[in-house]
Amino acid sequence: MVEEKKLVGKVTHYFPKVQAAVVMLESALKVGDRVKFIAPNGAEFEQEISSIQVDREPISEAKAGDEIGIGVSEPVKEGFEVFAI
């Protein structure tokens, strides 16, 4: 069975000290969603979204076109793609 993946957005920045990524969304995302980060070189990891912030304010859901901050469990870089799983 082929795993269905929907592109949610792309990482535009990473803050290593706080382990947070800035993601430009192409579709909606909410706290509790499971996502997969895929690097340009093919490396990948999965995690559940535990927090979303816009302008340092916590929100529970974001929509397409929003630029959000999310906590990440592993380091990411600009260009990583984020997929809903």
C-alpha atoms as a PDB file:
ATOM      1  CA  MET A   1       0.000   0.000   0.000  1.00  0.00           C
ATOM      2  CA  VAL A   2       1.337   3.419  -0.963  1.00  0.00           C
ATOM      3  CA  GLU A   3       1.279   5.988   1.824  1.00  0.00           C
ATOM      4  CA  GLU A   4      -0.802   9.049   0.933  1.00  0.00           C
ATOM      5  CA  LYS A   5       0.979  12.297   1.702  1.00  0.00           C
ATOM      6  CA  LYS A   6      -0.380  15.809   1.322  1.00  0.00           C
ATOM      7  CA  LEU A   7       2.065  18.719   1.164  1.00  0.00           C
ATOM      8  CA  VAL A   8       1.328  21.063   4.058  1.00  0.00           C
ATOM      9  CA  GLY A   9       4.203  23.512   3.597  1.00  0.00           C
ATOM     10  CA  LYS A  10       7.928  24.187   3.471  1.00  0.00           C
ATOM     11  CA  VAL A  11      10.429  25.119   6.155  1.00  0.00           C
ATOM     12  CA  THR A  12      11.738  28.661   5.626  1.00  0.00           C
ATOM     13  CA  HIS A  13      13.880  28.956   8.773  1.00  0.00           C
ATOM     14  CA  TYR A  14      15.075  26.955  11.788  1.00  0.00           C
ATOM     15  CA  PHE A  15      15.929  28.187  15.282  1.00  0.00           C
ATOM     16  CA  PRO A  16      18.269  25.572  16.816  1.00  0.00           C
ATOM     17  CA  LYS A  17      18.326  27.001  20.359  1.00  0.00           C
ATOM     18  CA  VAL A  18      14.568  26.593  20.768  1.00  0.00           C
ATOM     19  CA  GLN A  19      14.175  23.691  18.298  1.00  0.00           C
ATOM     20  CA  ALA A  20      11.545  25.513  16.266  1.00  0.00           C
ATOM     21  CA  ALA A  21      10.900  25.698  12.537  1.00  0.00           C
ATOM     22  CA  VAL A  22       9.196  28.449  10.563  1.00  0.00           C
ATOM     23  CA  VAL A  23       6.861  26.894   7.990  1.00  0.00           C
ATOM     24  CA  MET A  24       5.020  28.628   5.133  1.00  0.00           C
ATOM     25  CA  LEU A  25       1.743  26.725   4.889  1.00  0.00           C
ATOM     26  CA  GLU A  26       0.122  25.567   1.664  1.00  0.00           C
ATOM     27  CA  SER A  27      -2.790  23.941   3.530  1.00  0.00           C
ATOM     28  CA  ALA A  28      -4.309  24.030   7.012  1.00  0.00           C
ATOM     29  CA  LEU A  29      -2.529  22.531  10.020  1.00  0.00           C
ATOM     30  CA  LYS A  30      -3.662  22.117  13.615  1.00  0.00           C
ATOM     31  CA  VAL A  31      -2.239  21.005  16.939  1.00  0.00           C
ATOM     32  CA  GLY A  32      -2.442  17.203  17.139  1.00  0.00           C
ATOM     33  CA  ASP A  33      -1.854  16.591  13.409  1.00  0.00           C
ATOM     34  CA  ARG A  34       0.891  14.107  12.467  1.00  0.00           C
ATOM     35  CA  VAL A  35       3.378  15.313   9.894  1.00  0.00           C
ATOM     36  CA  LYS A  36       6.439  14.032   8.085  1.00  0.00           C
ATOM     37  CA  PHE A  37       9.429  16.276   7.392  1.00  0.00           C
ATOM     38  CA  ILE A  38      11.357  15.309   4.243  1.00  0.00           C
ATOM     39  CA  ALA A  39      14.762  16.804   3.452  1.00  0.00           C
ATOM     40  CA  PRO A  40      15.946  17.501  -0.098  1.00  0.00           C
ATOM     41  CA  ASN A  41      18.405  14.587   0.333  1.00  0.00           C
ATOM     42  CA  GLY A  42      15.560  12.195   1.235  1.00  0.00           C
ATOM     43  CA  ALA A  43      16.112  12.036   4.998  1.00  0.00           C
ATOM     44  CA  GLU A  44      12.834  12.141   6.895  1.00  0.00           C
ATOM     45  CA  PHE A  45      11.189  11.960  10.305  1.00  0.00           C
ATOM     46  CA  GLU A  46       7.650  12.073  11.671  1.00  0.00           C
ATOM     47  CA  GLN A  47       6.166  13.875  14.634  1.00  0.00           C
ATOM     48  CA  GLU A  48       2.913  15.148  16.096  1.00  0.00           C
ATOM     49  CA  ILE A  49       2.365  18.913  16.107  1.00  0.00           C
ATOM     50  CA  SER A  50       2.366  19.901  19.777  1.00  0.00           C
ATOM     51  CA  SER A  51       2.363  23.690  19.364  1.00  0.00           C
ATOM     52  CA  ILE A  52       1.811  26.331  16.700  1.00  0.00           C
ATOM     53  CA  GLN A  53       2.661  30.008  17.040  1.00  0.00           C
ATOM     54  CA  VAL A  54       2.059  33.096  14.918  1.00  0.00           C
ATOM     55  CA  ASP A  55       3.958  36.229  15.989  1.00  0.00           C
ATOM     56  CA  ARG A  56       4.940  34.396  19.200  1.00  0.00           C
ATOM     57  CA  GLU A  57       1.278  33.863  20.136  1.00  0.00           C
ATOM     58  CA  PRO A  58       0.055  30.263  20.537  1.00  0.00           C
ATOM     59  CA  ILE A  59      -2.796  29.216  18.253  1.00  0.00           C
ATOM     60  CA  SER A  60      -4.519  25.859  17.784  1.00  0.00           C
ATOM     61  CA  GLU A  61      -4.998  25.958  14.019  1.00  0.00           C
ATOM     62  CA  ALA A  62      -3.428  27.729  11.042  1.00  0.00           C
ATOM     63  CA  LYS A  63      -4.599  28.100   7.453  1.00  0.00           C
ATOM     64  CA  ALA A  64      -2.988  28.060   4.021  1.00  0.00           C
ATOM     65  CA  GLY A  65      -0.850  31.150   3.482  1.00  0.00           C
ATOM     66  CA  ASP A  66       0.081  31.500   7.170  1.00  0.00           C
ATOM     67  CA  GLU A  67       3.728  31.541   8.203  1.00  0.00           C
ATOM     68  CA  ILE A  68       3.893  29.675  11.498  1.00  0.00           C
ATOM     69  CA  GLY A  69       6.389  28.530  14.075  1.00  0.00           C
ATOM     70  CA  ILE A  70       6.265  24.929  15.277  1.00  0.00           C
ATOM     71  CA  GLY A  71       8.369  22.962  17.702  1.00  0.00           C
ATOM     72  CA  VAL A  72      10.336  20.170  16.014  1.00  0.00           C
ATOM     73  CA  SER A  73      11.794  16.997  17.501  1.00  0.00           C
ATOM     74  CA  GLU A  74      14.817  16.949  15.154  1.00  0.00           C
ATOM     75  CA  PRO A  75      16.857  19.670  13.433  1.00  0.00           C
ATOM     76  CA  VAL A  76      15.519  20.830  10.063  1.00  0.00           C
ATOM     77  CA  LYS A  77      16.773  23.218   7.401  1.00  0.00           C
ATOM     78  CA  GLU A  78      15.309  25.620   4.890  1.00  0.00           C
ATOM     79  CA  GLY A  79      13.766  23.647   2.039  1.00  0.00           C
ATOM     80  CA  PHE A  80      12.476  20.693   4.061  1.00  0.00           C
ATOM     81  CA  GLU A  81       8.955  19.802   2.955  1.00  0.00           C
ATOM     82  CA  VAL A  82       6.215  19.112   5.501  1.00  0.00           C
ATOM     83  CA  PHE A  83       3.542  16.519   4.682  1.00  0.00           C
ATOM     84  CA  ALA A  84       0.364  15.562   6.540  1.00  0.00           C
ATOM     85  CA  ILE A  85       0.209  11.819   7.220  1.00  0.00           C
END
